[in-house]
């Protein structure tokens, strides 16, 4: 990256004028249609000189044919062989985009009508910022209990985290085109949905660019969560790789999902398990179980109060055992992720390791061909 690019960012960008929206797609035409309809509504809500320049859908080895849906939305379709993962798909979308601000929206996210306008306003108000991302709203589409809890949890964390972010969220986020290109875009060695957006955020931040978290930029999540998908996401797809990134980039600050309170919750959750197991031989340790449960409740009191006010006290109480399990899985993820990171430093290539070494984008001539419609 050229030093002049960072100096330009520090001295201040002009307000965004042309927005290019990039949506990666693999399957589920119903979600894609809802996503693209919302993109068009958000584009029409833009005011002043800012405009929606283009909507690009990148079909990554698509299982369903999206041509009709994209055509109806007035978008442009780029088909690539795959699936190669959302990192590759988003990069290919940016390759053909013309806007000065690239907006990323996941297929299972319905952008709020004012989402793009608030992105523009946030970056116009802080000209030194290079990227901005938002949060899920408080009314997820799927009525299932776990879906409601998972999405409300995401909303809670983003509402209460620092405005000065060091990571990025590609579900509903925007990056100035020159900053994106300066760091080489997403690391395409992430071959499936994982922490490719978090990695991008760390690299943008370490390159000297600013990232803003603005929870008023909201989108509705369409995903249906199950117990199995929650466990896979918490451990394999997010927890283990994110732990490695935190060690690599030194990003374990008191924010997002790794605040001091959350770390304390993990420790107390394991003390609870230890007391529960030990009570088999020493029943007096049942008192320790009770104390640990009370401590966990009060450490996360603001979280449960949020759930109770948005739903009900019964809803918050029903989530409590799942949240304790979540803390336990976080501990497993941190232990495994740390072990894998240490193994990499010793030259071991262990399963679950995130890509090692700096990411360098291939030259355009080296990129595989893609078909557009």
Protein backbone atom coordinates (compact mmCIF):
# COMPACT_ATOMS: atom_id res chain seq x y z
CA UNK A 1 0.00 0.00 0.00
CA UNK A 2 1.24 3.46 -0.85
CA UNK A 3 1.88 5.83 2.06
CA UNK A 4 -0.03 8.50 0.20
CA UNK A 5 -3.22 6.42 0.43
CA UNK A 6 -3.12 6.44 4.23
CA UNK A 7 -2.24 10.13 4.31
CA UNK A 8 -5.23 10.79 2.09
CA UNK A 9 -7.42 8.87 4.53
CA UNK A 10 -6.07 10.84 7.50
CA UNK A 11 -6.54 14.18 5.77
CA UNK A 12 -10.12 13.29 4.88
CA UNK A 13 -12.08 11.74 2.04
CA UNK A 14 -14.87 13.48 0.17
CA UNK A 15 -18.38 12.26 0.94
CA UNK A 16 -19.26 9.08 -0.98
CA UNK A 17 -21.11 9.74 -4.21
CA UNK A 18 -21.44 6.46 -6.10
CA UNK A 19 -22.32 3.24 -4.27
CA UNK A 20 -21.64 -0.19 -5.76
CA UNK A 21 -23.49 -2.97 -3.92
CA UNK A 22 -21.93 -6.44 -4.07
CA UNK A 23 -23.98 -9.50 -3.06
CA UNK A 24 -22.37 -12.99 -3.08
CA UNK A 25 -24.82 -15.76 -3.94
CA UNK A 26 -24.70 -19.56 -3.80
CA UNK A 27 -28.26 -20.76 -3.17
CA UNK A 28 -31.77 -19.79 -1.99
CA UNK A 29 -33.52 -17.64 -4.58
CA UNK A 30 -36.22 -16.62 -2.11
CA UNK A 31 -33.68 -14.95 0.16
CA UNK A 32 -31.89 -13.40 -2.81
CA UNK A 33 -35.12 -11.81 -4.06
CA UNK A 34 -35.85 -10.29 -0.64
CA UNK A 35 -32.25 -9.09 -0.36
CA UNK A 36 -32.22 -7.40 -3.77
CA UNK A 37 -35.64 -5.80 -3.29
CA UNK A 38 -34.33 -4.26 -0.08
CA UNK A 39 -31.17 -3.04 -1.83
CA UNK A 40 -33.28 -1.21 -4.41
CA UNK A 41 -35.42 0.40 -1.68
CA UNK A 42 -32.32 1.52 0.22
CA UNK A 43 -30.87 2.88 -3.02
CA UNK A 44 -34.00 4.93 -3.73
CA UNK A 45 -33.84 6.37 -0.20
CA UNK A 46 -30.41 7.95 -0.84
CA UNK A 47 -30.48 11.76 -0.79
CA UNK A 48 -28.19 14.50 -2.02
CA UNK A 49 -25.46 13.68 -4.51
CA UNK A 50 -25.08 10.05 -3.38
CA UNK A 51 -26.62 7.44 -5.66
CA UNK A 52 -26.79 3.69 -6.11
CA UNK A 53 -24.54 3.28 -9.12
CA UNK A 54 -24.91 -0.47 -9.55
CA UNK A 55 -26.01 -3.72 -8.00
CA UNK A 56 -23.68 -6.66 -8.63
CA UNK A 57 -24.62 -10.24 -7.76
CA UNK A 58 -21.75 -12.71 -7.89
CA UNK A 59 -23.03 -16.26 -8.43
CA UNK A 60 -20.40 -18.45 -6.78
CA UNK A 61 -21.00 -21.92 -8.24
CA UNK A 62 -24.70 -21.18 -7.77
CA UNK A 63 -26.96 -24.16 -7.10
CA UNK A 64 -29.98 -22.10 -8.23
CA UNK A 65 -30.13 -20.00 -11.39
CA UNK A 66 -30.38 -16.35 -10.24
CA UNK A 67 -30.62 -14.70 -13.68
CA UNK A 68 -34.32 -13.89 -13.56
CA UNK A 69 -34.18 -12.55 -9.99
CA UNK A 70 -31.17 -10.35 -10.76
CA UNK A 71 -32.76 -9.10 -13.99
CA UNK A 72 -35.95 -8.13 -12.17
CA UNK A 73 -33.90 -6.17 -9.63
CA UNK A 74 -32.04 -4.30 -12.37
CA UNK A 75 -28.75 -5.78 -11.26
CA UNK A 76 -25.72 -7.21 -13.00
CA UNK A 77 -24.84 -10.86 -12.67
CA UNK A 78 -21.30 -12.19 -12.59
CA UNK A 79 -21.03 -15.99 -12.60
CA UNK A 80 -17.86 -17.69 -11.39
CA UNK A 81 -16.97 -21.35 -11.07
CA UNK A 82 -17.18 -22.67 -7.56
CA UNK A 83 -18.18 -22.56 -4.87
CA UNK A 84 -14.95 -20.78 -3.97
CA UNK A 85 -16.30 -18.94 -0.95
CA UNK A 86 -17.60 -15.43 -0.23
CA UNK A 87 -14.09 -13.92 -0.08
CA UNK A 88 -13.48 -14.73 -3.74
CA UNK A 89 -17.02 -13.77 -4.75
CA UNK A 90 -16.84 -10.36 -3.09
CA UNK A 91 -13.42 -9.64 -4.57
CA UNK A 92 -14.67 -10.47 -8.06
CA UNK A 93 -17.61 -8.17 -7.55
CA UNK A 94 -15.35 -5.30 -6.56
CA UNK A 95 -13.19 -5.99 -9.63
CA UNK A 96 -16.04 -4.90 -11.92
CA UNK A 97 -17.52 -2.24 -9.62
CA UNK A 98 -17.21 1.44 -10.50
CA UNK A 99 -18.36 3.19 -7.32
CA UNK A 100 -16.13 5.01 -4.86
CA UNK A 101 -17.90 3.21 -2.00
CA UNK A 102 -18.40 -0.57 -2.10
CA UNK A 103 -21.31 -1.86 -0.03
CA UNK A 104 -21.37 -5.55 0.93
CA UNK A 105 -24.71 -7.19 1.70
CA UNK A 106 -25.12 -10.90 2.42
CA UNK A 107 -27.86 -12.79 0.59
CA UNK A 108 -29.65 -13.54 3.86
CA UNK A 109 -29.76 -9.91 5.00
CA UNK A 110 -32.54 -7.42 4.23
CA UNK A 111 -30.93 -3.98 4.40
CA UNK A 112 -33.03 -1.38 6.18
CA UNK A 113 -34.48 1.34 3.99
CA UNK A 114 -32.17 3.96 5.53
CA UNK A 115 -29.10 1.70 5.73
CA UNK A 116 -27.22 3.12 2.73
CA UNK A 117 -28.15 6.70 3.59
CA UNK A 118 -26.74 6.23 7.09
CA UNK A 119 -23.56 4.72 5.68
CA UNK A 120 -23.07 7.80 3.54
CA UNK A 121 -23.91 10.13 6.42
CA UNK A 122 -21.50 8.34 8.78
CA UNK A 123 -18.60 8.56 6.34
CA UNK A 124 -19.45 12.15 5.35
CA UNK A 125 -19.49 13.16 9.03
CA UNK A 126 -16.09 11.52 9.62
CA UNK A 127 -14.03 12.06 6.45
CA UNK A 128 -11.02 10.21 7.91
CA UNK A 129 -13.02 6.96 8.16
CA UNK A 130 -12.56 4.39 5.41
CA UNK A 131 -15.18 1.79 6.34
CA UNK A 132 -18.42 1.46 8.26
CA UNK A 133 -20.64 -1.45 9.23
CA UNK A 134 -23.88 -1.92 11.11
CA UNK A 135 -25.87 -4.58 12.96
CA UNK A 136 -28.87 -6.84 12.75
CA UNK A 137 -32.16 -5.28 13.79
CA UNK A 138 -34.17 -6.40 16.81
CA UNK A 139 -36.80 -8.26 14.79
CA UNK A 140 -35.19 -11.25 13.03
CA UNK A 141 -37.32 -12.94 10.39
CA UNK A 142 -37.28 -16.49 11.75
CA UNK A 143 -39.56 -16.95 14.79
CA UNK A 144 -37.69 -19.97 16.19
CA UNK A 145 -36.29 -19.45 19.70
CA UNK A 146 -32.61 -19.96 18.79
CA UNK A 147 -32.89 -17.71 15.74
CA UNK A 148 -34.38 -14.94 17.87
CA UNK A 149 -31.70 -15.33 20.53
CA UNK A 150 -28.73 -15.51 18.18
CA UNK A 151 -29.77 -12.45 16.22
CA UNK A 152 -30.71 -10.43 19.30
CA UNK A 153 -27.33 -11.33 20.78
CA UNK A 154 -25.56 -9.99 17.68
CA UNK A 155 -27.66 -6.83 17.88
CA UNK A 156 -26.86 -6.36 21.58
CA UNK A 157 -23.11 -6.76 21.11
CA UNK A 158 -22.94 -4.31 18.19
CA UNK A 159 -25.12 -1.73 19.96
CA UNK A 160 -22.79 -1.66 22.96
CA UNK A 161 -19.39 -1.98 21.32
CA UNK A 162 -16.90 0.76 20.58
CA UNK A 163 -17.64 2.99 17.61
CA UNK A 164 -13.95 2.76 16.70
CA UNK A 165 -13.76 -0.79 15.35
CA UNK A 166 -10.76 -2.92 14.40
CA UNK A 167 -12.77 -5.60 12.60
CA UNK A 168 -15.30 -5.51 9.76
CA UNK A 169 -18.68 -7.14 9.19
CA UNK A 170 -19.57 -8.03 5.61
CA UNK A 171 -23.22 -8.82 6.34
CA UNK A 172 -24.00 -5.11 5.95
CA UNK A 173 -20.90 -2.96 5.64
CA UNK A 174 -19.19 -0.52 3.29
CA UNK A 175 -15.56 0.23 2.43
CA UNK A 176 -14.10 3.05 0.37
CA UNK A 177 -12.83 1.47 -2.80
CA UNK A 178 -9.24 2.70 -2.59
CA UNK A 179 -8.80 1.43 0.99
CA UNK A 180 -10.19 -1.96 -0.02
CA UNK A 181 -7.82 -2.21 -2.96
CA UNK A 182 -4.85 -0.97 -0.95
CA UNK A 183 -4.98 -3.99 1.39
CA UNK A 184 -5.72 -6.48 -1.40
CA UNK A 185 -9.37 -7.09 -0.54
CA UNK A 186 -10.54 -10.25 1.18
CA UNK A 187 -8.05 -13.05 1.74
CA UNK A 188 -9.15 -15.64 -0.81
CA UNK A 189 -7.48 -18.45 1.10
CA UNK A 190 -10.63 -18.51 3.25
CA UNK A 191 -12.51 -21.01 1.12
CA UNK A 192 -15.83 -21.01 2.99
CA UNK A 193 -17.80 -18.52 5.10
CA UNK A 194 -15.70 -17.91 8.19
CA UNK A 195 -13.77 -14.90 9.49
CA UNK A 196 -12.69 -13.45 6.14
CA UNK A 197 -14.43 -10.15 6.96
CA UNK A 198 -12.86 -9.96 10.43
CA UNK A 199 -9.43 -10.59 8.88
CA UNK A 200 -10.07 -7.81 6.35
CA UNK A 201 -10.98 -5.43 9.17
CA UNK A 202 -7.78 -6.18 11.08
CA UNK A 203 -5.70 -5.56 7.96
CA UNK A 204 -7.52 -2.31 7.14
CA UNK A 205 -7.00 -1.09 10.70
CA UNK A 206 -3.33 -2.08 10.83
CA UNK A 207 -2.75 -0.31 7.50
CA UNK A 208 -3.76 2.96 9.17
CA UNK A 209 -7.37 3.27 8.04
CA UNK A 210 -10.32 3.89 10.38
CA UNK A 211 -13.40 1.67 10.67
CA UNK A 212 -16.67 2.82 12.23
CA UNK A 213 -19.31 0.63 13.86
CA UNK A 214 -22.70 2.34 13.54
CA UNK A 215 -25.56 0.20 14.93
CA UNK A 216 -28.18 2.54 13.40
CA UNK A 217 -27.23 0.90 10.08
CA UNK A 218 -29.52 -2.10 10.39
CA UNK A 219 -30.54 -5.16 8.44
CA UNK A 220 -32.95 -7.99 9.09
CA UNK A 221 -31.39 -11.47 9.23
CA UNK A 222 -33.24 -14.24 7.39
CA UNK A 223 -31.17 -17.16 8.66
CA UNK A 224 -32.78 -19.97 10.62
CA UNK A 225 -30.50 -21.04 13.46
CA UNK A 226 -30.50 -24.55 14.90
CA UNK A 227 -28.57 -25.97 17.83
CA UNK A 228 -26.24 -27.77 15.45
CA UNK A 229 -25.57 -24.74 13.25
CA UNK A 230 -24.97 -22.63 16.35
CA UNK A 231 -22.34 -25.04 17.66
CA UNK A 232 -20.60 -25.26 14.28
CA UNK A 233 -20.56 -21.49 13.91
CA UNK A 234 -19.38 -20.82 17.47
CA UNK A 235 -16.51 -23.31 17.36
CA UNK A 236 -15.39 -24.19 13.84
CA UNK A 237 -16.39 -21.18 11.75
CA UNK A 238 -15.86 -18.26 14.13
CA UNK A 239 -14.36 -19.13 17.50
CA UNK A 240 -11.27 -21.13 16.51
CA UNK A 241 -10.24 -19.00 13.50
CA UNK A 242 -11.04 -15.69 15.24
CA UNK A 243 -8.85 -16.70 18.20
CA UNK A 244 -5.96 -17.21 15.79
CA UNK A 245 -6.56 -13.80 14.21
CA UNK A 246 -6.61 -12.12 17.62
CA UNK A 247 -3.22 -13.63 18.42
CA UNK A 248 -1.86 -12.70 15.00
CA UNK A 249 -3.05 -9.10 14.98
CA UNK A 250 -3.00 -8.42 18.72
CA UNK A 251 -6.71 -7.68 18.58
CA UNK A 252 -7.91 -8.95 21.97
CA UNK A 253 -9.13 -5.63 23.27
CA UNK A 254 -12.06 -4.96 25.61
CA UNK A 255 -14.70 -4.92 22.88
CA UNK A 256 -17.26 -6.96 20.91
CA UNK A 257 -17.31 -10.62 22.03
CA UNK A 258 -14.08 -10.48 24.04
CA UNK A 259 -14.82 -7.85 26.67
CA UNK A 260 -13.40 -8.40 30.15
CA UNK A 261 -16.89 -9.38 31.33
CA UNK A 262 -17.24 -12.04 28.64
CA UNK A 263 -13.81 -13.43 29.48
CA UNK A 264 -14.79 -13.57 33.15
CA UNK A 265 -17.99 -15.40 32.15
CA UNK A 266 -15.94 -18.10 30.43
CA UNK A 267 -13.82 -18.62 33.54
CA UNK A 268 -16.85 -18.75 35.85
CA UNK A 269 -18.67 -21.14 33.49
CA UNK A 270 -15.78 -23.60 33.75
CA UNK A 271 -15.67 -23.19 37.54
CA UNK A 272 -19.38 -24.04 37.51
CA UNK A 273 -18.68 -27.25 35.58
CA UNK A 274 -15.80 -28.12 37.92
CA UNK A 275 -18.02 -27.67 40.98
CA UNK A 276 -20.80 -29.68 39.36
CA UNK A 277 -18.47 -32.59 38.63
CA UNK A 278 -16.77 -32.36 42.02
CA UNK A 279 -20.12 -32.39 43.79
CA UNK A 280 -20.41 -36.07 42.87
CA UNK A 281 -17.78 -36.73 45.56
CA UNK A 282 -18.13 -33.57 47.69
CA UNK A 283 -21.78 -32.44 47.78
CA UNK A 284 -20.75 -29.21 49.48
CA UNK A 285 -19.57 -28.03 46.05
CA UNK A 286 -23.23 -27.69 45.02
CA UNK A 287 -23.04 -24.38 46.85
CA UNK A 288 -20.28 -23.40 44.44
CA UNK A 289 -22.58 -24.25 41.52
CA UNK A 290 -25.25 -21.94 42.91
CA UNK A 291 -22.73 -19.13 43.45
CA UNK A 292 -21.35 -19.53 39.94
CA UNK A 293 -24.84 -19.34 38.42
CA UNK A 294 -25.58 -16.13 40.34
CA UNK A 295 -22.26 -14.60 39.27
CA UNK A 296 -22.91 -15.49 35.62
CA UNK A 297 -26.34 -13.90 35.76
CA UNK A 298 -25.03 -10.66 37.21
CA UNK A 299 -21.95 -10.50 34.96
CA UNK A 300 -24.29 -10.65 31.96
CA UNK A 301 -27.13 -8.70 33.58
CA UNK A 302 -27.23 -6.04 30.86
CA UNK A 303 -27.49 -8.80 28.25
CA UNK A 304 -30.43 -10.48 30.00
CA UNK A 305 -32.08 -7.13 30.67
CA UNK A 306 -31.87 -6.43 26.92
CA UNK A 307 -33.54 -9.78 26.17
CA UNK A 308 -36.22 -9.21 28.82
CA UNK A 309 -37.15 -5.73 27.56
CA UNK A 310 -37.18 -6.82 23.89
CA UNK A 311 -39.07 -10.06 24.56
CA UNK A 312 -39.83 -11.10 28.16
CA UNK A 313 -38.18 -12.16 31.39
CA UNK A 314 -39.18 -15.74 30.63
CA UNK A 315 -37.44 -15.47 27.27
CA UNK A 316 -34.24 -14.26 28.98
CA UNK A 317 -34.42 -17.05 31.58
CA UNK A 318 -34.92 -19.66 28.84
CA UNK A 319 -31.80 -18.39 27.06
CA UNK A 320 -29.66 -18.51 30.23
CA UNK A 321 -28.58 -22.21 30.01
CA UNK A 322 -27.82 -21.81 26.31
CA UNK A 323 -25.73 -18.76 27.12
CA UNK A 324 -23.76 -20.70 29.73
CA UNK A 325 -23.10 -23.34 27.07
CA UNK A 326 -22.04 -20.54 24.73
CA UNK A 327 -19.43 -19.42 27.27
CA UNK A 328 -18.16 -22.99 27.52
CA UNK A 329 -17.83 -23.32 23.75
CA UNK A 330 -15.96 -20.01 23.70
CA UNK A 331 -13.48 -21.50 26.12
CA UNK A 332 -13.02 -24.56 23.90
CA UNK A 333 -12.61 -22.34 20.84
CA UNK A 334 -10.01 -20.18 22.55
CA UNK A 335 -8.01 -23.19 23.76
CA UNK A 336 -8.05 -24.90 20.37
CA UNK A 337 -7.42 -21.70 18.44
CA UNK A 338 -4.49 -20.81 20.67
CA UNK A 339 -3.01 -24.30 20.30
CA UNK A 340 -3.29 -24.14 16.52
CA UNK A 341 -1.70 -20.67 16.48
CA UNK A 342 1.19 -21.86 18.64
CA UNK A 343 1.57 -24.89 16.39
CA UNK A 344 1.83 -22.65 13.33
CA UNK A 345 4.58 -20.66 15.01
CA UNK A 346 6.44 -23.94 15.51
CA UNK A 347 6.02 -24.83 11.85
CA UNK A 348 3.17 -27.30 12.30
CA UNK A 349 0.30 -27.31 9.81
CA UNK A 350 -2.61 -28.32 12.04
CA UNK A 351 -6.23 -28.81 10.94
CA UNK A 352 -8.31 -25.66 11.35
CA UNK A 353 -5.36 -23.28 10.90
CA UNK A 354 -6.18 -19.96 9.25
CA UNK A 355 -4.07 -18.97 6.23
CA UNK A 356 -0.54 -18.11 7.31
CA UNK A 357 1.62 -15.35 5.95
CA UNK A 358 0.47 -12.04 4.46
CA UNK A 359 -2.25 -12.02 1.83
CA UNK A 360 -1.17 -10.87 -1.63
CA UNK A 361 -3.86 -10.56 -4.28
CA UNK A 362 -2.98 -12.36 -7.55
CA UNK A 363 -2.37 -10.22 -10.60
CA UNK A 364 -5.49 -9.68 -12.72
CA UNK A 365 -4.01 -11.78 -15.50
CA UNK A 366 -3.65 -14.70 -13.09
CA UNK A 367 -7.29 -14.66 -12.00
CA UNK A 368 -9.58 -17.40 -13.35
CA UNK A 369 -12.04 -16.32 -16.00
CA UNK A 370 -15.66 -15.71 -15.13
CA UNK A 371 -18.83 -15.50 -17.12
CA UNK A 372 -21.18 -12.54 -16.78
CA UNK A 373 -24.81 -12.09 -17.72
